[in-house]
C-alpha atoms as a PDB file:
ATOM      1  CA  MET A   1      53.010  17.619  33.203  1.00  0.00           C
ATOM      2  CA  GLU A   2      55.969  15.427  34.870  1.00  0.00           C
ATOM      3  CA  ASN A   3      59.308  15.907  33.541  1.00  0.00           C
ATOM      4  CA  LYS A   4      61.684  13.648  34.673  1.00  0.00           C
ATOM      5  CA  LYS A   5      62.970  10.515  33.282  1.00  0.00           C
ATOM      6  CA  LEU A   6      60.987  11.258  30.272  1.00  0.00           C
ATOM      7  CA  LEU A   7      61.355   8.908  27.113  1.00  0.00           C
ATOM      8  CA  LEU A   8      59.051  11.362  25.079  1.00  0.00           C
ATOM      9  CA  ASP A   9      58.421  15.111  25.854  1.00  0.00           C
ATOM     10  CA  ILE A  10      56.359  17.200  23.491  1.00  0.00           C
ATOM     11  CA  GLN A  11      56.356  20.564  24.017  1.00  0.00           C
ATOM     12  CA  ASP A  12      53.840  23.522  22.446  1.00  0.00           C
ATOM     13  CA  LEU A  13      53.591  21.251  19.164  1.00  0.00           C
ATOM     14  CA  SER A  14      51.907  23.060  16.152  1.00  0.00           C
ATOM     15  CA  ILE A  15      51.303  21.549  12.712  1.00  0.00           C
ATOM     16  CA  GLN A  16      49.737  22.994   9.895  1.00  0.00           C
ATOM     17  CA  TYR A  17      48.437  21.928   6.170  1.00  0.00           C
ATOM     18  CA  GLU A  18      48.277  24.427   3.644  1.00  0.00           C
ATOM     19  CA  THR A  19      45.422  23.283   1.288  1.00  0.00           C
ATOM     20  CA  GLU A  20      43.533  24.985  -1.408  1.00  0.00           C
ATOM     21  CA  GLY A  21      40.778  25.811   1.298  1.00  0.00           C
ATOM     22  CA  GLY A  22      43.177  27.509   3.621  1.00  0.00           C
ATOM     23  CA  THR A  23      45.657  26.426   6.452  1.00  0.00           C
ATOM     24  CA  VAL A  24      44.360  23.081   8.109  1.00  0.00           C
ATOM     25  CA  HIS A  25      45.382  23.509  12.069  1.00  0.00           C
ATOM     26  CA  ALA A  26      46.032  19.819  12.688  1.00  0.00           C
ATOM     27  CA  VAL A  27      47.714  20.124  15.958  1.00  0.00           C
ATOM     28  CA  GLU A  28      47.922  23.109  18.121  1.00  0.00           C
ATOM     29  CA  HIS A  29      49.891  23.742  21.212  1.00  0.00           C
ATOM     30  CA  LEU A  30      49.844  19.840  22.473  1.00  0.00           C
ATOM     31  CA  ASN A  31      51.916  18.898  25.352  1.00  0.00           C
ATOM     32  CA  LEU A  32      52.396  15.447  25.987  1.00  0.00           C
ATOM     33  CA  ALA A  33      54.649  13.287  28.430  1.00  0.00           C
ATOM     34  CA  LEU A  34      55.574   9.442  28.304  1.00  0.00           C
ATOM     35  CA  LYS A  35      58.090   7.676  30.708  1.00  0.00           C
ATOM     36  CA  HIS A  36      60.055   4.625  29.656  1.00  0.00           C
ATOM     37  CA  GLY A  37      57.611   1.625  30.005  1.00  0.00           C
ATOM     38  CA  GLU A  38      54.692   3.627  30.144  1.00  0.00           C
ATOM     39  CA  ASN A  39      51.291   3.114  28.070  1.00  0.00           C
ATOM     40  CA  LEU A  40      49.667   6.052  26.860  1.00  0.00           C
ATOM     41  CA  GLY A  41      46.416   6.050  25.443  1.00  0.00           C
ATOM     42  CA  PHE A  42      45.415   8.845  22.704  1.00  0.00           C
ATOM     43  CA  VAL A  43      42.081   9.079  22.284  1.00  0.00           C
ATOM     44  CA  GLY A  44      39.724  11.336  19.765  1.00  0.00           C
ATOM     45  CA  GLU A  45      37.157  11.628  16.909  1.00  0.00           C
ATOM     46  CA  THR A  46      38.685  11.061  13.288  1.00  0.00           C
ATOM     47  CA  GLY A  47      40.510  14.385  12.447  1.00  0.00           C
ATOM     48  CA  ALA A  48      41.373  15.603  15.981  1.00  0.00           C
ATOM     49  CA  GLY A  49      45.185  15.193  15.342  1.00  0.00           C
ATOM     50  CA  LYS A  50      46.112  12.032  16.451  1.00  0.00           C
ATOM     51  CA  THR A  51      47.861  10.492  13.647  1.00  0.00           C
ATOM     52  CA  THR A  52      49.149  13.836  12.745  1.00  0.00           C
ATOM     53  CA  THR A  53      51.083  14.013  15.962  1.00  0.00           C
ATOM     54  CA  ALA A  54      52.568  10.314  15.535  1.00  0.00           C
ATOM     55  CA  LEU A  55      53.713  11.027  12.186  1.00  0.00           C
ATOM     56  CA  ALA A  56      55.392  14.361  13.559  1.00  0.00           C
ATOM     57  CA  ILE A  57      57.249  11.504  16.129  1.00  0.00           C
ATOM     58  CA  MET A  58      58.251   9.663  13.093  1.00  0.00           C
ATOM     59  CA  GLY A  59      59.449  12.635  11.059  1.00  0.00           C
ATOM     60  CA  LEU A  60      57.120  11.881   8.576  1.00  0.00           C
ATOM     61  CA  ILE A  61      54.874  14.871   7.918  1.00  0.00           C
ATOM     62  CA  PRO A  62      54.576  15.326   4.374  1.00  0.00           C
ATOM     63  CA  SER A  63      56.102  18.752   3.558  1.00  0.00           C
ATOM     64  CA  PRO A  64      54.474  20.321   1.291  1.00  0.00           C
ATOM     65  CA  PRO A  65      51.611  20.403   2.269  1.00  0.00           C
ATOM     66  CA  GLY A  66      52.658  19.765   6.032  1.00  0.00           C
ATOM     67  CA  LYS A  67      55.011  21.643   8.158  1.00  0.00           C
ATOM     68  CA  VAL A  68      55.610  21.527  11.776  1.00  0.00           C
ATOM     69  CA  ALA A  69      54.655  25.572  12.854  1.00  0.00           C
ATOM     70  CA  GLY A  70      56.372  25.389  16.292  1.00  0.00           C
ATOM     71  CA  GLY A  71      57.333  23.388  19.332  1.00  0.00           C
ATOM     72  CA  ARG A  72      59.817  20.584  20.249  1.00  0.00           C
ATOM     73  CA  ILE A  73      59.734  16.872  20.217  1.00  0.00           C
ATOM     74  CA  LEU A  74      62.232  15.942  22.943  1.00  0.00           C
ATOM     75  CA  PHE A  75      63.154  11.641  22.677  1.00  0.00           C
ATOM     76  CA  GLU A  76      65.611  10.813  25.291  1.00  0.00           C
ATOM     77  CA  GLY A  77      66.324  14.428  25.519  1.00  0.00           C
ATOM     78  CA  GLU A  78      67.156  15.396  22.080  1.00  0.00           C
ATOM     79  CA  ASP A  79      64.977  17.233  19.754  1.00  0.00           C
ATOM     80  CA  LEU A  80      63.709  14.906  17.023  1.00  0.00           C
ATOM     81  CA  LEU A  81      62.762  18.264  14.755  1.00  0.00           C
ATOM     82  CA  LYS A  82      66.171  18.752  14.667  1.00  0.00           C
ATOM     83  CA  LYS A  83      67.445  15.981  13.199  1.00  0.00           C
ATOM     84  CA  ALA A  84      68.486  15.265   9.658  1.00  0.00           C
ATOM     85  CA  GLU A  85      66.681  12.638   7.663  1.00  0.00           C
ATOM     86  CA  ARG A  86      69.724  10.429   7.855  1.00  0.00           C
ATOM     87  CA  GLN A  87      69.576  10.625  11.566  1.00  0.00           C
ATOM     88  CA  MET A  88      65.784   9.958  11.729  1.00  0.00           C
ATOM     89  CA  ARG A  89      66.232   6.564   9.744  1.00  0.00           C
ATOM     90  CA  ASP A  90      68.402   5.204  12.080  1.00  0.00           C
ATOM     91  CA  ILE A  91      65.717   5.927  14.759  1.00  0.00           C
ATOM     92  CA  ARG A  92      62.731   4.921  12.702  1.00  0.00           C
ATOM     93  CA  GLY A  93      62.364   1.098  13.326  1.00  0.00           C
ATOM     94  CA  GLY A  94      65.294   1.183  15.387  1.00  0.00           C
ATOM     95  CA  LYS A  95      64.215   3.080  18.541  1.00  0.00           C
ATOM     96  CA  ILE A  96      60.836   4.151  17.395  1.00  0.00           C
ATOM     97  CA  ALA A  97      58.332   1.894  15.448  1.00  0.00           C
ATOM     98  CA  MET A  98      54.846   2.390  14.117  1.00  0.00           C
ATOM     99  CA  ILE A  99      52.301   0.071  13.689  1.00  0.00           C
ATOM    100  CA  PHE A 100      49.675   1.853  10.910  1.00  0.00           C
ATOM    101  CA  GLN A 101      45.939   1.307  10.492  1.00  0.00           C
ATOM    102  CA  ASP A 102      45.967  -0.945   7.430  1.00  0.00           C
ATOM    103  CA  PRO A 103      48.444  -3.734   7.068  1.00  0.00           C
ATOM    104  CA  MET A 104      47.676  -3.982   3.044  1.00  0.00           C
ATOM    105  CA  THR A 105      49.695  -0.729   2.603  1.00  0.00           C
ATOM    106  CA  SER A 106      52.224  -1.311   5.037  1.00  0.00           C
ATOM    107  CA  LEU A 107      53.525  -4.556   3.688  1.00  0.00           C
ATOM    108  CA  ASN A 108      55.131  -5.055   0.133  1.00  0.00           C
ATOM    109  CA  PRO A 109      53.253  -7.397  -1.937  1.00  0.00           C
ATOM    110  CA  VAL A 110      55.884  -8.876  -3.975  1.00  0.00           C
ATOM    111  CA  MET A 111      58.264  -9.496  -1.318  1.00  0.00           C
ATOM    112  CA  THR A 112      57.850 -12.808   1.020  1.00  0.00           C
ATOM    113  CA  VAL A 113      57.134 -11.741   4.721  1.00  0.00           C
ATOM    114  CA  ASP A 114      60.663 -13.173   6.243  1.00  0.00           C
ATOM    115  CA  ARG A 115      62.513 -10.794   3.953  1.00  0.00           C
ATOM    116  CA  GLN A 116      60.293  -7.773   4.951  1.00  0.00           C
ATOM    117  CA  ILE A 117      61.170  -8.501   8.454  1.00  0.00           C
ATOM    118  CA  ALA A 118      64.936  -9.236   7.705  1.00  0.00           C
ATOM    119  CA  GLU A 119      65.102  -5.577   5.722  1.00  0.00           C
ATOM    120  CA  MET A 120      64.197  -3.967   8.904  1.00  0.00           C
ATOM    121  CA  VAL A 121      66.983  -5.776  10.931  1.00  0.00           C
ATOM    122  CA  LEU A 122      69.465  -5.274   8.374  1.00  0.00           C
ATOM    123  CA  LEU A 123      68.960  -1.731   8.115  1.00  0.00           C
ATOM    124  CA  HIS A 124      69.310  -1.419  11.952  1.00  0.00           C
ATOM    125  CA  ASN A 125      72.014  -4.141  12.929  1.00  0.00           C
ATOM    126  CA  ASP A 126      75.239  -5.235  12.187  1.00  0.00           C
ATOM    127  CA  VAL A 127      74.491  -8.828  10.834  1.00  0.00           C
ATOM    128  CA  SER A 128      74.459 -11.031   7.975  1.00  0.00           C
ATOM    129  CA  GLU A 129      71.518 -11.837   5.728  1.00  0.00           C
ATOM    130  CA  GLU A 130      71.396 -15.361   7.092  1.00  0.00           C
ATOM    131  CA  GLN A 131      70.953 -14.156  10.780  1.00  0.00           C
ATOM    132  CA  ALA A 132      68.679 -11.311   9.783  1.00  0.00           C
ATOM    133  CA  LEU A 133      66.395 -13.975   8.151  1.00  0.00           C
ATOM    134  CA  GLU A 134      66.587 -16.327  11.337  1.00  0.00           C
ATOM    135  CA  ARG A 135      65.641 -13.065  13.336  1.00  0.00           C
ATOM    136  CA  ALA A 136      62.827 -12.490  11.092  1.00  0.00           C
ATOM    137  CA  VAL A 137      61.618 -16.400  11.528  1.00  0.00           C
ATOM    138  CA  SER A 138      62.053 -15.895  15.191  1.00  0.00           C
ATOM    139  CA  MET A 139      59.694 -12.900  15.106  1.00  0.00           C
ATOM    140  CA  LEU A 140      57.220 -14.284  12.966  1.00  0.00           C
ATOM    141  CA  GLU A 141      57.049 -17.165  15.844  1.00  0.00           C
ATOM    142  CA  MET A 142      56.930 -14.898  18.540  1.00  0.00           C
ATOM    143  CA  VAL A 143      53.729 -13.227  17.184  1.00  0.00           C
ATOM    144  CA  GLY A 144      52.112 -16.768  16.408  1.00  0.00           C
ATOM    145  CA  ILE A 145      53.214 -17.718  12.838  1.00  0.00           C
ATOM    146  CA  LYS A 146      54.866 -20.684  12.074  1.00  0.00           C
ATOM    147  CA  ARG A 147      58.433 -20.871  10.494  1.00  0.00           C
ATOM    148  CA  GLU A 148      56.614 -22.668   7.641  1.00  0.00           C
ATOM    149  CA  ARG A 149      55.287 -19.759   6.527  1.00  0.00           C
ATOM    150  CA  ALA A 150      58.218 -17.287   6.734  1.00  0.00           C
ATOM    151  CA  LYS A 151      58.345 -17.818   2.623  1.00  0.00           C
ATOM    152  CA  ASP A 152      54.744 -16.784   2.033  1.00  0.00           C
ATOM    153  CA  TYR A 153      53.534 -13.459   0.496  1.00  0.00           C
ATOM    154  CA  PRO A 154      51.132 -10.580   2.238  1.00  0.00           C
ATOM    155  CA  HIS A 155      48.173 -11.937  -0.194  1.00  0.00           C
ATOM    156  CA  GLN A 156      48.590 -15.429   1.165  1.00  0.00           C
ATOM    157  CA  PHE A 157      47.586 -14.426   4.792  1.00  0.00           C
ATOM    158  CA  SER A 158      44.200 -13.250   6.353  1.00  0.00           C
ATOM    159  CA  GLY A 159      43.863  -9.650   7.938  1.00  0.00           C
ATOM    160  CA  GLY A 160      44.730 -10.611  11.374  1.00  0.00           C
ATOM    161  CA  MET A 161      47.671 -12.416  10.167  1.00  0.00           C
ATOM    162  CA  LYS A 162      49.036  -9.588   8.007  1.00  0.00           C
ATOM    163  CA  GLN A 163      48.595  -7.152  11.152  1.00  0.00           C
ATOM    164  CA  ARG A 164      50.668  -9.914  13.232  1.00  0.00           C
ATOM    165  CA  VAL A 165      53.391  -9.563  10.458  1.00  0.00           C
ATOM    166  CA  VAL A 166      53.381  -5.848  10.687  1.00  0.00           C
ATOM    167  CA  ILE A 167      53.573  -6.297  14.282  1.00  0.00           C
ATOM    168  CA  ALA A 168      56.576  -8.568  13.948  1.00  0.00           C
ATOM    169  CA  ILE A 169      58.390  -5.712  11.642  1.00  0.00           C
ATOM    170  CA  ALA A 170      57.695  -2.901  13.998  1.00  0.00           C
ATOM    171  CA  LEU A 171      59.055  -5.236  16.912  1.00  0.00           C
ATOM    172  CA  ALA A 172      61.892  -6.864  15.266  1.00  0.00           C
ATOM    173  CA  CYS A 173      64.681  -4.089  16.330  1.00  0.00           C
ATOM    174  CA  ASN A 174      63.293  -4.223  20.000  1.00  0.00           C
ATOM    175  CA  PRO A 175      62.227  -0.354  19.693  1.00  0.00           C
ATOM    176  CA  ILE A 176      61.805   1.391  23.074  1.00  0.00           C
ATOM    177  CA  LEU A 177      59.068   3.431  21.896  1.00  0.00           C
ATOM    178  CA  LEU A 178      55.902   1.936  19.698  1.00  0.00           C
ATOM    179  CA  ILE A 179      53.293   3.835  18.270  1.00  0.00           C
ATOM    180  CA  ALA A 180      50.161   1.667  17.619  1.00  0.00           C
ATOM    181  CA  ASP A 181      47.936   3.718  14.971  1.00  0.00           C
ATOM    182  CA  GLU A 182      44.092   2.128  15.368  1.00  0.00           C
ATOM    183  CA  PRO A 183      45.819  -1.276  14.991  1.00  0.00           C
ATOM    184  CA  THR A 184      42.694  -3.169  15.156  1.00  0.00           C
ATOM    185  CA  THR A 185      40.413  -1.170  12.856  1.00  0.00           C
ATOM    186  CA  ALA A 186      39.938  -3.490  10.036  1.00  0.00           C
ATOM    187  CA  LEU A 187      39.831  -6.740  11.863  1.00  0.00           C
ATOM    188  CA  ASP A 188      36.826  -8.447  13.367  1.00  0.00           C
ATOM    189  CA  VAL A 189      35.985  -8.686  17.081  1.00  0.00           C
ATOM    190  CA  THR A 190      37.749 -11.970  17.772  1.00  0.00           C
ATOM    191  CA  ILE A 191      41.039 -11.180  16.025  1.00  0.00           C
ATOM    192  CA  GLN A 192      41.208  -7.905  17.570  1.00  0.00           C
ATOM    193  CA  ALA A 193      41.475  -9.493  20.819  1.00  0.00           C
ATOM    194  CA  GLN A 194      43.901 -11.399  19.833  1.00  0.00           C
ATOM    195  CA  VAL A 195      46.044  -8.898  18.331  1.00  0.00           C
ATOM    196  CA  LEU A 196      45.880  -6.672  21.647  1.00  0.00           C
ATOM    197  CA  GLU A 197      46.590  -9.458  23.992  1.00  0.00           C
ATOM    198  CA  LEU A 198      49.652 -10.333  21.493  1.00  0.00           C
ATOM    199  CA  MET A 199      50.841  -6.522  21.914  1.00  0.00           C
ATOM    200  CA  HIS A 200      50.148  -6.499  25.497  1.00  0.00           C
ATOM    201  CA  GLU A 201      52.415  -9.806  25.742  1.00  0.00           C
ATOM    202  CA  LEU A 202      54.871  -8.444  23.487  1.00  0.00           C
ATOM    203  CA  ARG A 203      55.455  -5.370  25.243  1.00  0.00           C
ATOM    204  CA  ARG A 204      55.839  -6.870  28.508  1.00  0.00           C
ATOM    205  CA  LYS A 205      58.620  -9.463  27.130  1.00  0.00           C
ATOM    206  CA  ILE A 206      60.742  -6.295  25.844  1.00  0.00           C
ATOM    207  CA  ASN A 207      59.542  -3.462  27.971  1.00  0.00           C
ATOM    208  CA  THR A 208      58.680  -0.995  25.220  1.00  0.00           C
ATOM    209  CA  SER A 209      56.589   2.270  25.848  1.00  0.00           C
ATOM    210  CA  LEU A 210      53.719   2.296  24.044  1.00  0.00           C
ATOM    211  CA  ILE A 211      51.448   4.975  22.466  1.00  0.00           C
ATOM    212  CA  MET A 212      48.046   3.777  21.524  1.00  0.00           C
ATOM    213  CA  ILE A 213      45.963   5.812  19.060  1.00  0.00           C
ATOM    214  CA  THR A 214      42.581   5.017  19.278  1.00  0.00           C
ATOM    215  CA  HIS A 215      38.896   5.882  19.462  1.00  0.00           C
ATOM    216  CA  ASP A 216      37.560   3.011  21.117  1.00  0.00           C
ATOM    217  CA  LEU A 217      37.612   3.549  25.119  1.00  0.00           C
ATOM    218  CA  GLY A 218      37.481  -0.315  26.081  1.00  0.00           C
ATOM    219  CA  ILE A 219      40.603  -0.704  24.378  1.00  0.00           C
ATOM    220  CA  VAL A 220      42.357   1.974  26.263  1.00  0.00           C
ATOM    221  CA  ALA A 221      41.079   0.590  29.731  1.00  0.00           C
ATOM    222  CA  GLU A 222      42.613  -2.471  28.864  1.00  0.00           C
ATOM    223  CA  MET A 223      45.974  -1.384  27.411  1.00  0.00           C
ATOM    224  CA  CYS A 224      46.717   1.899  29.076  1.00  0.00           C
ATOM    225  CA  ASP A 225      48.289   3.557  31.929  1.00  0.00           C
ATOM    226  CA  LYS A 226      47.565   7.244  31.197  1.00  0.00           C
ATOM    227  CA  VAL A 227      45.011   8.473  28.543  1.00  0.00           C
ATOM    228  CA  ALA A 228      45.046  11.669  26.629  1.00  0.00           C
ATOM    229  CA  ILE A 229      42.005  12.918  25.209  1.00  0.00           C
ATOM    230  CA  MET A 230      42.337  15.262  21.897  1.00  0.00           C
ATOM    231  CA  TYR A 231      39.890  17.726  20.624  1.00  0.00           C
ATOM    232  CA  ALA A 232      40.310  19.747  17.257  1.00  0.00           C
ATOM    233  CA  GLY A 233      43.855  19.548  17.347  1.00  0.00           C
ATOM    234  CA  ARG A 234      44.336  19.870  21.094  1.00  0.00           C
ATOM    235  CA  VAL A 235      44.825  17.691  24.197  1.00  0.00           C
ATOM    236  CA  VAL A 236      41.730  18.599  26.531  1.00  0.00           C
ATOM    237  CA  GLU A 237      42.340  16.126  29.206  1.00  0.00           C
ATOM    238  CA  TYR A 238      45.043  13.784  30.463  1.00  0.00           C
ATOM    239  CA  ALA A 239      45.437  11.455  33.351  1.00  0.00           C
ATOM    240  CA  SER A 240      45.998   7.995  34.368  1.00  0.00           C
ATOM    241  CA  THR A 241      43.177   5.543  33.381  1.00  0.00           C
ATOM    242  CA  GLU A 242      41.989   5.033  36.852  1.00  0.00           C
ATOM    243  CA  ALA A 243      41.362   8.741  37.372  1.00  0.00           C
ATOM    244  CA  LEU A 244      39.963   9.472  33.463  1.00  0.00           C
ATOM    245  CA  TYR A 245      37.369   6.879  33.783  1.00  0.00           C
ATOM    246  CA  ASN A 246      36.317   7.245  37.188  1.00  0.00           C
ATOM    247  CA  ARG A 247      36.396  11.138  37.461  1.00  0.00           C
ATOM    248  CA  PRO A 248      36.266  12.691  33.885  1.00  0.00           C
ATOM    249  CA  ALA A 249      36.483  16.404  34.032  1.00  0.00           C
ATOM    250  CA  HIS A 250      36.443  17.854  30.839  1.00  0.00           C
ATOM    251  CA  PRO A 251      32.887  18.034  28.765  1.00  0.00           C
ATOM    252  CA  TYR A 252      33.986  16.291  25.853  1.00  0.00           C
ATOM    253  CA  THR A 253      35.426  13.143  27.710  1.00  0.00           C
ATOM    254  CA  GLU A 254      32.259  13.352  29.372  1.00  0.00           C
ATOM    255  CA  GLY A 255      30.340  13.374  26.290  1.00  0.00           C
ATOM    256  CA  LEU A 256      32.629  10.142  25.222  1.00  0.00           C
ATOM    257  CA  PHE A 257      31.383   8.026  28.086  1.00  0.00           C
ATOM    258  CA  ASN A 258      27.832   9.072  27.530  1.00  0.00           C
ATOM    259  CA  SER A 259      27.803   8.070  24.120  1.00  0.00           C
ATOM    260  CA  ILE A 260      28.843   4.396  25.022  1.00  0.00           C
ATOM    261  CA  PRO A 261      25.932   1.910  25.458  1.00  0.00           C
ATOM    262  CA  ASP A 262      25.218   0.697  29.296  1.00  0.00           C
ATOM    263  CA  ILE A 263      23.906  -2.985  29.129  1.00  0.00           C
ATOM    264  CA  ASP A 264      22.419  -2.185  32.906  1.00  0.00           C
ATOM    265  CA  ARG A 265      20.418   0.922  32.115  1.00  0.00           C
ATOM    266  CA  ASP A 266      17.230   0.839  30.203  1.00  0.00           C
ATOM    267  CA  GLU A 267      17.415   3.763  27.774  1.00  0.00           C
ATOM    268  CA  GLU A 268      15.772   4.155  24.366  1.00  0.00           C
ATOM    269  CA  GLU A 269      18.722   6.372  22.885  1.00  0.00           C
ATOM    270  CA  LEU A 270      22.237   7.241  23.641  1.00  0.00           C
ATOM    271  CA  LYS A 271      23.390  10.469  24.836  1.00  0.00           C
ATOM    272  CA  VAL A 272      25.111  11.910  21.782  1.00  0.00           C
ATOM    273  CA  ILE A 273      27.426  14.848  21.651  1.00  0.00           C
ATOM    274  CA  GLN A 274      25.572  17.694  19.848  1.00  0.00           C
ATOM    275  CA  GLY A 275      26.844  19.268  16.838  1.00  0.00           C
ATOM    276  CA  LEU A 276      30.160  18.236  14.823  1.00  0.00           C
ATOM    277  CA  LEU A 277      33.611  18.338  14.787  1.00  0.00           C
ATOM    278  CA  PRO A 278      34.797  22.099  13.729  1.00  0.00           C
ATOM    279  CA  ASP A 279      36.597  22.602  10.439  1.00  0.00           C
ATOM    280  CA  PRO A 280      40.212  22.493  10.808  1.00  0.00           C
ATOM    281  CA  THR A 281      40.615  25.548   8.670  1.00  0.00           C
ATOM    282  CA  ASN A 282      38.397  27.569  10.474  1.00  0.00           C
ATOM    283  CA  LEU A 283      38.387  26.808  14.295  1.00  0.00           C
ATOM    284  CA  PRO A 284      36.128  28.666  16.533  1.00  0.00           C
ATOM    285  CA  THR A 285      37.874  31.371  18.979  1.00  0.00           C
ATOM    286  CA  GLY A 286      38.741  30.245  22.372  1.00  0.00           C
ATOM    287  CA  CYS A 287      37.991  27.090  23.473  1.00  0.00           C
ATOM    288  CA  SER A 288      37.037  24.798  20.189  1.00  0.00           C
ATOM    289  CA  PHE A 289      34.519  22.708  21.990  1.00  0.00           C
ATOM    290  CA  HIS A 290      32.591  25.530  23.143  1.00  0.00           C
ATOM    291  CA  PRO A 291      30.113  25.658  20.426  1.00  0.00           C
ATOM    292  CA  ARG A 292      28.945  22.034  21.425  1.00  0.00           C
ATOM    293  CA  CYS A 293      29.698  22.184  25.030  1.00  0.00           C
ATOM    294  CA  PRO A 294      26.586  22.145  27.721  1.00  0.00           C
ATOM    295  CA  TYR A 295      28.831  24.224  30.149  1.00  0.00           C
ATOM    296  CA  ALA A 296      30.100  26.827  28.002  1.00  0.00           C
ATOM    297  CA  ILE A 297      29.876  30.786  29.320  1.00  0.00           C
ATOM    298  CA  GLU A 298      30.688  33.608  27.465  1.00  0.00           C
ATOM    299  CA  SER A 299      34.312  33.770  28.284  1.00  0.00           C
ATOM    300  CA  CYS A 300      34.507  30.191  26.546  1.00  0.00           C
ATOM    301  CA  SER A 301      34.273  31.629  23.200  1.00  0.00           C
ATOM    302  CA  LYS A 302      37.305  34.138  23.900  1.00  0.00           C
ATOM    303  CA  ASP A 303      40.066  32.580  25.442  1.00  0.00           C
ATOM    304  CA  ALA A 304      41.740  29.247  24.901  1.00  0.00           C
ATOM    305  CA  PRO A 305      41.622  27.651  28.550  1.00  0.00           C
ATOM    306  CA  PRO A 306      45.136  26.218  29.763  1.00  0.00           C
ATOM    307  CA  MET A 307      45.758  22.862  31.286  1.00  0.00           C
ATOM    308  CA  VAL A 308      45.102  22.873  34.998  1.00  0.00           C
ATOM    309  CA  GLU A 309      46.122  20.156  37.521  1.00  0.00           C
ATOM    310  CA  ILE A 310      43.021  19.394  39.367  1.00  0.00           C
ATOM    311  CA  GLU A 311      44.582  16.358  41.359  1.00  0.00           C
ATOM    312  CA  ALA A 312      47.948  14.695  41.035  1.00  0.00           C
ATOM    313  CA  GLY A 313      48.800  13.991  37.339  1.00  0.00           C
ATOM    314  CA  HIS A 314      45.068  14.928  36.075  1.00  0.00           C
ATOM    315  CA  PHE A 315      45.007  17.997  33.828  1.00  0.00           C
ATOM    316  CA  VAL A 316      42.004  19.505  32.339  1.00  0.00           C
ATOM    317  CA  ALA A 317      41.625  22.676  30.014  1.00  0.00           C
ATOM    318  CA  CYS A 318      38.148  23.528  31.399  1.00  0.00           C
ATOM    319  CA  PRO A 319      38.285  26.332  34.190  1.00  0.00           C
ATOM    320  CA  VAL A 320      34.158  26.598  34.134  1.00  0.00           C
ATOM    321  CA  ARG A 321      34.143  22.589  34.468  1.00  0.00           C
ATOM    322  CA  PHE A 322      36.487  22.414  37.170  1.00  0.00           C
ATOM    323  CA  GLU A 323      34.213  23.666  39.642  1.00  0.00           C
ATOM    324  CA  HIS A 324      31.371  21.244  38.975  1.00  0.00           C
ATOM    325  CA  TRP A 325      34.313  18.503  38.890  1.00  0.00           C
ATOM    326  CA  LYS A 326      35.642  19.515  42.520  1.00  0.00           C
ATOM    327  CA  ASN A 327      31.455  19.789  43.897  1.00  0.00           C
ATOM    328  CA  ALA A 328      30.754  16.428  42.651  1.00  0.00           C
ATOM    329  CA  VAL A 329      33.950  14.494  43.574  1.00  0.00           C
ATOM    330  CA  ASN A 330      33.580  16.028  47.164  1.00  0.00           C
ATOM    331  CA  GLY A 331      30.051  15.407  47.127  1.00  0.00           C
ATOM    332  CA  ASN A 332      29.815  11.884  46.508  1.00  0.00           C
ATOM    333  CA  GLY A 333      33.284  10.368  45.805  1.00  0.00           C
ATOM    334  CA  GLY A 334      33.254  10.265  41.951  1.00  0.00           C
ATOM    335  CA  MET A 335      31.904  11.821  38.830  1.00  0.00           C
ATOM    336  CA  THR A 336      28.402  11.208  37.911  1.00  0.00           C
ATOM    337  CA  ARG A 337      27.956  10.423  34.281  1.00  0.00           C
END
């Protein structure tokens, strides 16, 4: 992948959890890159390793049972895995912020929302408590919450408003990298759209880079410049949003698109991906997707495929599918789905 002027450069990252049932291989030899001001969509099923990767960037892998088994996470050229906890506390919230799935678990129920935001400001800035509280009110107004509500408690807000508070906390110190982990999962469709539009607008205002963790390809199309498709702890395809949506190359990516309902087609049932995500304590040999793959050949069960650049900036871990992809693109100008 690109290796110039990178904000974030994850190299060969592996993360494991030791459990009673065995070693969970949550992330396996992951490589990922993000430039300044870039938006990356991180897509995959539940259990693919997306959130674990985000927690590793934040230095929040619970140990035990978790451990980083190998690799580097370079942020502004420095390896976060070599930072002391004191140094990571300065980076968390200050330079890298994370929005978690459930705002209820992210907010302190016995503290007013303005004080929760001010706490973050005081932690990372040399300001007075009065200045921090004023900054908190400004942040609430920025996310569409009136200043009169600054002294309210989390239980006095709706789910969508709580998520806005969480976003205000995350952006309070103008981080240069924002990680959003399924930020709209618990919200209804109308509020989802409002929250996404808010994040899009705020990101433009402060030029924050974004990693959007989701399983919703519609959100990725709306929010992201680049997309990484993750399966069983590995990135299997990485491309610009335009390339991935118009010319998907990996069988798993193709399966994800085929499983989306198409209102223009008269179909009685969806084309689902056969089988289930593999047990992370007992991953298949070779390509982890091969037991479910319609294109698998004998060698797929033996060797883990490397990421290959099939066009500028478009990487895929499937040499078998590569030939089919080339023929399809040369034949009709785009992949058929």
